[in-house]
């Protein structure tokens, strides 16, 4: 009889843990080297590395908290290294290490050891600096309040000075402090869904992403400030409405809800990619009265679908996003002083061109998620001054620290 040897079944395959600190360094390095926003890079990293749950949440915490506190972290680095010159990866390594230790309050052992392991050739320097930070953490934190506003709240100097000129020192300080707080996840109840028609609230705050309700079209992730413009427009059932810059579709869906899904909404945007996203969202949110068209309202031509004009027009223009910096963490670092003027030029073209297709007696609402007068009141006043037959009906705005929602502006313009 041949000799038989027993064999153990193969061990189940175990997925190797993803080195989150190394992944955070890669995301931040790519962010610094290009012009993509952190949220997009994080989504891509999560998909490609197959991470979810607590790993994905921790990655987002490290990346977004680092970007939210960049100036303060660099101040601490200067103190701890005596202004030593650092290569890019070493600086980012120290930034995420100090972010974990002093802001996120991650355990010293994990924060130091795993950050050092992710930083490559500069490990000895990173290790020494982070261990010094552990010893001196109380002193480093005690000194924060004495730093200038732009350092302790990590905003570009030019932006702080600009806001102080526009809003004054007290409001600017409140705004910068507001932007440092992580934004809550807010969802709008979609009353077009039969299960939600009698819901008691219009907006809810979610502790975690309501994936099932999102997929079913019962809710849509939106801050309450986004309802400002659609409600000011107040479209009526049966009217013909233009949503000129509609993607991704949250405001379009609210317009449909206000119209009881009757009448007609022409929902426009520029790129096919944005239109596909718009179409998917409107379908999921059970919008039945919208037609999607591709058009760029910055161009002077009037498309065939607009020849008969509109009773109501929502013009939610691209803007500086200065009202949503709490939610879009890296906007402060992407924005440049010249961008404000460049945005205003585009906004002016959009407003002038859409006013041309407003019916007599109709209302157009111009809106932004900006708090900048140059993009808001001043721009509307300039256009109306040279556009006979139109008048300002009313305006509505939110200033984040005062209203406890994102910043937004809306102006209702009537055609006489």
Protein backbone atom coordinates (compact mmCIF):
# COMPACT_ATOMS: atom_id res chain seq x y z
CA UNK A 1 0.00 0.00 0.00
CA UNK A 2 1.50 3.34 -0.93
CA UNK A 3 2.28 5.74 1.85
CA UNK A 4 -0.27 8.61 2.01
CA UNK A 5 0.57 12.00 3.47
CA UNK A 6 -2.20 14.18 4.77
CA UNK A 7 -2.42 17.63 3.23
CA UNK A 8 -3.80 20.71 4.88
CA UNK A 9 -6.35 22.68 2.91
CA UNK A 10 -4.89 25.88 1.48
CA UNK A 11 -5.16 28.85 3.80
CA UNK A 12 -7.87 31.28 2.81
CA UNK A 13 -6.57 34.26 0.87
CA UNK A 14 -6.31 37.35 3.00
CA UNK A 15 -6.32 40.76 1.42
CA UNK A 16 -3.23 42.68 2.33
CA UNK A 17 -4.06 45.73 4.44
CA UNK A 18 -3.83 48.97 2.50
CA UNK A 19 -1.16 51.34 3.91
CA UNK A 20 -3.48 54.31 4.44
CA UNK A 21 -0.71 56.81 5.28
CA UNK A 22 1.16 55.94 2.09
CA UNK A 23 -2.04 56.28 0.09
CA UNK A 24 -2.71 59.66 1.71
CA UNK A 25 0.77 60.80 0.70
CA UNK A 26 0.13 59.70 -2.88
CA UNK A 27 -3.21 61.53 -3.04
CA UNK A 28 -1.76 64.72 -1.58
CA UNK A 29 1.28 64.56 -3.85
CA UNK A 30 -0.96 64.22 -6.91
CA UNK A 31 -3.19 67.02 -5.61
CA UNK A 32 -0.19 69.35 -5.23
CA UNK A 33 1.21 68.49 -8.67
CA UNK A 34 -1.99 69.02 -10.66
CA UNK A 35 -5.29 70.84 -10.75
CA UNK A 36 -7.69 68.09 -9.68
CA UNK A 37 -9.70 68.48 -6.50
CA UNK A 38 -9.10 66.29 -3.46
CA UNK A 39 -12.59 64.77 -3.44
CA UNK A 40 -12.10 63.45 -6.98
CA UNK A 41 -8.66 62.03 -6.16
CA UNK A 42 -9.99 60.37 -3.01
CA UNK A 43 -12.85 58.73 -4.91
CA UNK A 44 -10.38 57.43 -7.49
CA UNK A 45 -8.00 56.09 -4.82
CA UNK A 46 -10.82 54.29 -3.02
CA UNK A 47 -12.00 52.62 -6.24
CA UNK A 48 -8.54 51.58 -7.41
CA UNK A 49 -7.43 50.24 -4.01
CA UNK A 50 -10.77 48.67 -3.14
CA UNK A 51 -11.06 50.33 0.24
CA UNK A 52 -14.30 51.20 2.02
CA UNK A 53 -15.72 51.63 5.48
CA UNK A 54 -13.33 52.71 8.23
CA UNK A 55 -10.26 52.63 5.94
CA UNK A 56 -11.92 54.99 3.44
CA UNK A 57 -13.11 57.26 6.23
CA UNK A 58 -9.64 57.44 7.78
CA UNK A 59 -8.04 58.22 4.41
CA UNK A 60 -10.51 61.07 3.90
CA UNK A 61 -9.89 62.33 7.43
CA UNK A 62 -6.14 62.51 6.91
CA UNK A 63 -6.26 64.12 3.45
CA UNK A 64 -9.02 66.65 4.08
CA UNK A 65 -7.91 67.61 7.59
CA UNK A 66 -4.36 68.13 6.31
CA UNK A 67 -5.60 70.42 3.53
CA UNK A 68 -7.92 72.25 5.93
CA UNK A 69 -4.96 73.02 8.25
CA UNK A 70 -2.11 73.43 5.79
CA UNK A 71 -0.76 76.77 7.04
CA UNK A 72 -0.91 75.74 10.68
CA UNK A 73 0.85 72.45 9.94
CA UNK A 74 3.59 74.31 8.06
CA UNK A 75 3.99 76.66 11.03
CA UNK A 76 4.50 73.68 13.33
CA UNK A 77 6.97 72.15 10.86
CA UNK A 78 8.98 75.38 10.80
CA UNK A 79 9.11 75.40 14.61
CA UNK A 80 10.07 71.72 14.90
CA UNK A 81 12.69 71.71 12.12
CA UNK A 82 14.11 75.22 12.60
CA UNK A 83 12.94 76.05 9.06
CA UNK A 84 14.92 73.20 7.54
CA UNK A 85 14.55 72.81 3.76
CA UNK A 86 12.44 69.75 2.97
CA UNK A 87 11.67 67.88 -0.24
CA UNK A 88 8.00 67.59 -1.17
CA UNK A 89 7.33 64.07 0.10
CA UNK A 90 9.10 64.74 3.41
CA UNK A 91 7.01 67.88 3.94
CA UNK A 92 3.79 66.05 3.14
CA UNK A 93 4.90 63.23 5.44
CA UNK A 94 5.39 65.67 8.31
CA UNK A 95 2.10 67.36 7.50
CA UNK A 96 0.08 64.14 7.71
CA UNK A 97 2.02 62.99 10.77
CA UNK A 98 1.40 66.22 12.68
CA UNK A 99 -2.20 66.24 11.50
CA UNK A 100 -2.71 62.82 13.09
CA UNK A 101 -0.90 63.66 16.30
CA UNK A 102 -2.09 67.19 17.03
CA UNK A 103 -5.48 67.47 15.30
CA UNK A 104 -6.98 64.01 14.74
CA UNK A 105 -5.50 62.72 18.03
CA UNK A 106 -4.43 59.37 16.58
CA UNK A 107 -2.38 57.23 18.98
CA UNK A 108 1.27 58.24 18.98
CA UNK A 109 2.53 54.74 18.24
CA UNK A 110 0.41 54.29 15.10
CA UNK A 111 0.75 57.87 13.87
CA UNK A 112 4.54 57.94 14.16
CA UNK A 113 5.48 54.41 13.14
CA UNK A 114 3.16 54.03 10.16
CA UNK A 115 3.79 57.55 8.86
CA UNK A 116 7.54 57.01 9.09
CA UNK A 117 7.18 53.70 7.24
CA UNK A 118 5.36 55.49 4.40
CA UNK A 119 7.90 58.26 3.85
CA UNK A 120 10.81 56.41 2.30
CA UNK A 121 14.33 57.80 2.43
CA UNK A 122 13.55 60.60 4.91
CA UNK A 123 12.44 58.20 7.63
CA UNK A 124 15.00 59.24 10.22
CA UNK A 125 14.10 62.93 9.90
CA UNK A 126 10.35 62.24 9.97
CA UNK A 127 10.76 59.99 13.00
CA UNK A 128 12.80 62.57 14.93
CA UNK A 129 10.44 65.47 14.19
CA UNK A 130 7.26 63.53 14.98
CA UNK A 131 8.69 62.21 18.25
CA UNK A 132 9.66 65.75 19.21
CA UNK A 133 6.09 66.83 18.39
CA UNK A 134 4.80 64.14 20.78
CA UNK A 135 6.95 65.56 23.59
CA UNK A 136 6.03 69.19 22.85
CA UNK A 137 2.40 68.75 21.81
CA UNK A 138 0.93 70.78 24.67
CA UNK A 139 3.15 73.79 23.92
CA UNK A 140 2.50 73.59 20.19
CA UNK A 141 -1.27 73.57 20.72
CA UNK A 142 -1.16 76.33 23.35
CA UNK A 143 0.49 78.69 20.86
CA UNK A 144 -2.18 78.36 18.14
CA UNK A 145 -4.47 81.16 19.33
CA UNK A 146 -1.58 83.64 19.23
CA UNK A 147 -0.93 83.02 15.54
CA UNK A 148 -2.35 85.37 12.85
CA UNK A 149 -5.80 84.50 11.54
CA UNK A 150 -4.47 83.27 8.18
CA UNK A 151 -2.15 80.83 9.99
CA UNK A 152 -4.40 79.47 12.72
CA UNK A 153 -7.30 78.98 10.26
CA UNK A 154 -5.13 78.14 7.23
CA UNK A 155 -6.43 80.58 4.61
CA UNK A 156 -4.31 82.34 1.96
CA UNK A 157 -3.18 85.80 3.08
CA UNK A 158 -4.67 87.52 0.04
CA UNK A 159 -8.09 85.99 0.68
CA UNK A 160 -8.15 87.00 4.34
CA UNK A 161 -7.14 90.57 3.43
CA UNK A 162 -9.78 90.65 0.68
CA UNK A 163 -12.55 89.49 3.03
CA UNK A 164 -11.47 91.97 5.71
CA UNK A 165 -11.90 94.75 3.16
CA UNK A 166 -15.34 93.46 2.08
CA UNK A 167 -16.83 92.17 5.35
CA UNK A 168 -14.70 93.66 8.14
CA UNK A 169 -12.42 91.91 10.61
CA UNK A 170 -15.10 90.35 12.84
CA UNK A 171 -17.07 88.72 10.03
CA UNK A 172 -13.90 87.53 8.33
CA UNK A 173 -12.68 85.84 11.50
CA UNK A 174 -16.06 84.15 11.95
CA UNK A 175 -16.04 82.99 8.33
CA UNK A 176 -12.52 81.55 8.55
CA UNK A 177 -13.40 79.71 11.76
CA UNK A 178 -16.58 78.37 10.10
CA UNK A 179 -14.57 77.01 7.18
CA UNK A 180 -12.44 74.98 9.59
CA UNK A 181 -15.38 72.87 10.76
CA UNK A 182 -16.14 69.64 8.87
CA UNK A 183 -19.42 70.03 7.01
CA UNK A 184 -22.34 67.80 8.02
CA UNK A 185 -23.89 65.47 5.45
CA UNK A 186 -27.21 67.05 4.50
CA UNK A 187 -29.89 65.45 2.34
CA UNK A 188 -32.99 66.95 0.73
CA UNK A 189 -36.17 64.90 0.96
CA UNK A 190 -37.46 64.18 -2.55
CA UNK A 191 -41.23 64.60 -2.38
CA UNK A 192 -41.57 63.33 -5.96
CA UNK A 193 -40.99 59.85 -4.54
CA UNK A 194 -44.37 58.46 -3.42
CA UNK A 195 -42.97 57.24 -0.10
CA UNK A 196 -41.68 60.73 0.77
CA UNK A 197 -44.59 62.92 -0.35
CA UNK A 198 -45.78 63.52 3.21
CA UNK A 199 -42.38 63.78 4.93
CA UNK A 200 -42.27 66.35 7.71
CA UNK A 201 -38.83 67.80 6.89
CA UNK A 202 -37.34 69.25 3.72
CA UNK A 203 -33.73 68.62 4.76
CA UNK A 204 -32.15 66.15 7.17
CA UNK A 205 -28.63 65.74 8.59
CA UNK A 206 -27.24 62.23 8.10
CA UNK A 207 -24.71 60.56 10.36
CA UNK A 208 -23.65 58.31 7.48
CA UNK A 209 -24.32 58.25 3.77
CA UNK A 210 -27.91 56.98 3.24
CA UNK A 211 -26.95 54.72 0.33
CA UNK A 212 -30.24 52.83 0.02
CA UNK A 213 -32.40 55.95 0.12
CA UNK A 214 -30.07 57.66 -2.36
CA UNK A 215 -30.25 54.74 -4.77
CA UNK A 216 -34.04 54.67 -4.46
CA UNK A 217 -34.33 58.40 -5.16
CA UNK A 218 -35.90 59.15 -1.79
CA UNK A 219 -33.23 61.75 -0.92
CA UNK A 220 -30.56 63.79 -2.68
CA UNK A 221 -27.41 65.04 -0.99
CA UNK A 222 -27.73 68.86 -0.84
CA UNK A 223 -27.08 71.64 1.64
CA UNK A 224 -30.18 73.72 2.54
CA UNK A 225 -28.54 76.74 0.87
CA UNK A 226 -29.13 75.12 -2.52
CA UNK A 227 -32.89 75.59 -2.12
CA UNK A 228 -32.54 79.37 -1.89
CA UNK A 229 -32.64 80.04 -5.64
CA UNK A 230 -35.33 77.52 -6.71
CA UNK A 231 -37.67 78.75 -4.00
CA UNK A 232 -37.05 82.37 -4.93
CA UNK A 233 -37.86 81.48 -8.56
CA UNK A 234 -41.11 79.86 -7.37
CA UNK A 235 -42.02 78.14 -10.66
CA UNK A 236 -45.69 77.33 -11.00
CA UNK A 237 -47.28 74.10 -12.26
CA UNK A 238 -47.71 74.23 -16.04
CA UNK A 239 -45.06 76.88 -16.71
CA UNK A 240 -42.17 76.60 -19.16
CA UNK A 241 -38.90 76.78 -17.22
CA UNK A 242 -35.24 76.88 -18.22
CA UNK A 243 -32.54 75.54 -15.92
CA UNK A 244 -29.60 76.97 -17.84
CA UNK A 245 -26.70 75.35 -15.94
CA UNK A 246 -28.49 72.30 -14.62
CA UNK A 247 -25.95 69.54 -13.90
CA UNK A 248 -25.79 67.60 -11.67
CA UNK A 249 -29.54 68.12 -11.30
CA UNK A 250 -30.36 68.71 -7.63
CA UNK A 251 -31.91 72.13 -8.27
CA UNK A 252 -33.69 70.84 -11.40
CA UNK A 253 -35.35 68.14 -9.30
CA UNK A 254 -36.45 70.70 -6.73
CA UNK A 255 -37.95 72.84 -9.52
CA UNK A 256 -39.88 69.79 -10.73
CA UNK A 257 -41.12 69.20 -7.20
CA UNK A 258 -42.29 72.82 -6.88
CA UNK A 259 -44.14 72.43 -10.22
CA UNK A 260 -45.79 69.15 -9.17
CA UNK A 261 -43.96 67.48 -12.06
CA UNK A 262 -46.11 69.38 -14.59
CA UNK A 263 -45.29 71.96 -17.25
CA UNK A 264 -41.88 71.73 -18.89
CA UNK A 265 -38.32 72.16 -17.68
CA UNK A 266 -35.53 72.46 -20.23
CA UNK A 267 -32.39 71.37 -18.37
CA UNK A 268 -29.17 72.50 -20.08
CA UNK A 269 -25.49 71.97 -19.58
CA UNK A 270 -22.31 72.11 -21.64
CA UNK A 271 -20.56 68.74 -21.68
CA UNK A 272 -21.90 65.28 -22.56
CA UNK A 273 -20.40 63.87 -19.36
CA UNK A 274 -22.28 66.34 -17.19
CA UNK A 275 -25.46 65.72 -19.17
CA UNK A 276 -25.21 61.96 -18.57
CA UNK A 277 -24.89 62.56 -14.84
CA UNK A 278 -27.84 64.99 -15.00
CA UNK A 279 -29.96 62.44 -16.84
CA UNK A 280 -29.19 59.70 -14.34
CA UNK A 281 -30.02 61.88 -11.35
CA UNK A 282 -33.30 63.15 -12.82
CA UNK A 283 -34.37 59.60 -13.66
CA UNK A 284 -33.58 58.36 -10.16
CA UNK A 285 -35.39 61.33 -8.57
CA UNK A 286 -38.50 60.58 -10.66
CA UNK A 287 -38.53 63.90 -12.52
CA UNK A 288 -41.10 63.52 -15.31
CA UNK A 289 -41.36 67.06 -16.75
CA UNK A 290 -37.73 67.76 -17.75
CA UNK A 291 -36.11 67.63 -21.19
CA UNK A 292 -32.31 67.65 -21.41
CA UNK A 293 -30.53 69.81 -23.98
CA UNK A 294 -26.83 70.50 -24.58
CA UNK A 295 -26.07 74.20 -24.89
CA UNK A 296 -23.51 76.71 -23.64
CA UNK A 297 -25.28 79.92 -22.62
CA UNK A 298 -21.95 81.75 -22.64
CA UNK A 299 -22.32 81.66 -26.44
CA UNK A 300 -24.44 84.35 -28.09
CA UNK A 301 -26.52 82.03 -30.27
CA UNK A 302 -30.10 81.28 -29.24
CA UNK A 303 -30.92 77.57 -29.68
CA UNK A 304 -34.13 76.43 -31.35
CA UNK A 305 -35.62 75.10 -28.11
CA UNK A 306 -35.43 78.62 -26.62
CA UNK A 307 -37.06 80.54 -29.47
CA UNK A 308 -40.46 80.68 -27.75
CA UNK A 309 -38.99 81.96 -24.48
CA UNK A 310 -39.52 80.92 -20.86
CA UNK A 311 -41.80 81.93 -17.99
CA UNK A 312 -39.09 81.22 -15.45
CA UNK A 313 -35.31 80.84 -15.77
CA UNK A 314 -32.89 79.53 -13.17
CA UNK A 315 -29.32 80.63 -13.90
CA UNK A 316 -27.05 78.97 -11.35
CA UNK A 317 -23.69 80.13 -12.67
CA UNK A 318 -20.18 78.73 -12.20
CA UNK A 319 -18.54 80.77 -9.45
CA UNK A 320 -15.61 81.07 -7.05
CA UNK A 321 -17.28 78.72 -4.49
CA UNK A 322 -16.29 81.02 -1.62
CA UNK A 323 -19.59 80.23 0.10
CA UNK A 324 -18.86 76.51 0.28
CA UNK A 325 -15.23 76.39 1.44
CA UNK A 326 -16.20 74.43 4.54
CA UNK A 327 -17.56 71.69 2.27
CA UNK A 328 -14.99 71.96 -0.57
CA UNK A 329 -11.87 72.03 1.54
CA UNK A 330 -9.24 72.71 -1.09
CA UNK A 331 -11.02 75.55 -2.91
CA UNK A 332 -9.12 78.06 -0.78
CA UNK A 333 -5.81 76.79 -2.16
CA UNK A 334 -7.00 76.54 -5.78
CA UNK A 335 -8.53 80.03 -5.94
CA UNK A 336 -6.39 82.95 -7.17
CA UNK A 337 -7.18 86.69 -6.97
CA UNK A 338 -7.54 86.95 -10.74
CA UNK A 339 -10.13 84.14 -10.74
CA UNK A 340 -12.77 86.42 -9.22
CA UNK A 341 -12.65 88.78 -12.19
CA UNK A 342 -12.49 85.94 -14.70
CA UNK A 343 -15.55 84.34 -13.14
CA UNK A 344 -17.43 87.64 -13.23
CA UNK A 345 -16.82 88.00 -16.98
CA UNK A 346 -18.31 84.56 -17.67
CA UNK A 347 -21.20 85.23 -15.32
CA UNK A 348 -22.02 88.48 -17.10
CA UNK A 349 -22.19 86.73 -20.49
CA UNK A 350 -24.42 84.01 -19.08
CA UNK A 351 -26.80 86.52 -17.52
CA UNK A 352 -27.07 88.75 -20.58
CA UNK A 353 -27.69 85.80 -22.91
CA UNK A 354 -30.35 84.11 -20.77
CA UNK A 355 -32.23 87.38 -20.19
CA UNK A 356 -32.81 87.45 -23.95
CA UNK A 357 -35.09 84.39 -23.76
CA UNK A 358 -37.16 85.51 -20.75
CA UNK A 359 -40.80 86.15 -21.63
CA UNK A 360 -42.45 89.50 -20.76
CA UNK A 361 -43.73 89.20 -17.20
CA UNK A 362 -41.29 86.36 -16.56
CA UNK A 363 -38.76 85.96 -13.75
CA UNK A 364 -35.10 84.97 -13.94
CA UNK A 365 -33.19 84.04 -10.80
CA UNK A 366 -29.42 84.51 -10.99
CA UNK A 367 -27.64 82.48 -8.30
CA UNK A 368 -24.18 81.56 -7.04
CA UNK A 369 -22.61 79.68 -4.14
CA UNK A 370 -20.30 82.68 -3.72
CA UNK A 371 -20.26 85.36 -1.03
CA UNK A 372 -18.38 87.82 -3.26
CA UNK A 373 -20.22 91.09 -4.09
CA UNK A 374 -18.33 91.24 -7.41
CA UNK A 375 -20.04 87.98 -8.46
CA UNK A 376 -23.37 88.82 -6.86
CA UNK A 377 -24.98 92.22 -6.19
CA UNK A 378 -22.45 94.23 -8.14
CA UNK A 379 -22.66 92.05 -11.22
CA UNK A 380 -26.47 92.04 -11.27
CA UNK A 381 -26.57 95.84 -10.86
CA UNK A 382 -24.07 96.32 -13.70
CA UNK A 383 -26.04 94.13 -16.12
CA UNK A 384 -29.40 95.71 -15.28
CA UNK A 385 -27.98 99.19 -15.71
CA UNK A 386 -27.36 98.44 -19.39
CA UNK A 387 -30.35 96.14 -20.03
CA UNK A 388 -33.57 98.16 -20.44
CA UNK A 389 -36.90 96.48 -19.75
CA UNK A 390 -35.71 94.47 -16.76
CA UNK A 391 -35.79 95.23 -13.05
CA UNK A 392 -34.51 93.75 -9.82
CA UNK A 393 -37.42 92.21 -7.90
CA UNK A 394 -35.67 90.95 -4.76
CA UNK A 395 -32.52 89.26 -3.50
CA UNK A 396 -31.77 86.53 -0.99
CA UNK A 397 -28.44 85.48 0.47
CA UNK A 398 -26.88 83.37 3.19
CA UNK A 399 -23.64 84.14 5.03
CA UNK A 400 -22.38 80.90 6.60
CA UNK A 401 -21.55 81.93 10.19
CA UNK A 402 -24.77 83.96 10.47
CA UNK A 403 -27.16 81.50 8.83
CA UNK A 404 -25.44 78.21 9.76
CA UNK A 405 -25.66 76.92 6.18
CA UNK A 406 -23.42 77.23 3.15
CA UNK A 407 -23.05 80.64 1.54
CA UNK A 408 -25.31 81.44 -1.41
CA UNK A 409 -26.78 84.38 -3.31
CA UNK A 410 -29.91 84.69 -5.46
CA UNK A 411 -31.38 87.69 -7.30
CA UNK A 412 -34.84 87.64 -8.92
CA UNK A 413 -34.98 89.76 -12.08
CA UNK A 414 -38.27 90.53 -13.81
CA UNK A 415 -38.87 91.41 -17.44
CA UNK A 416 -41.28 94.33 -17.71
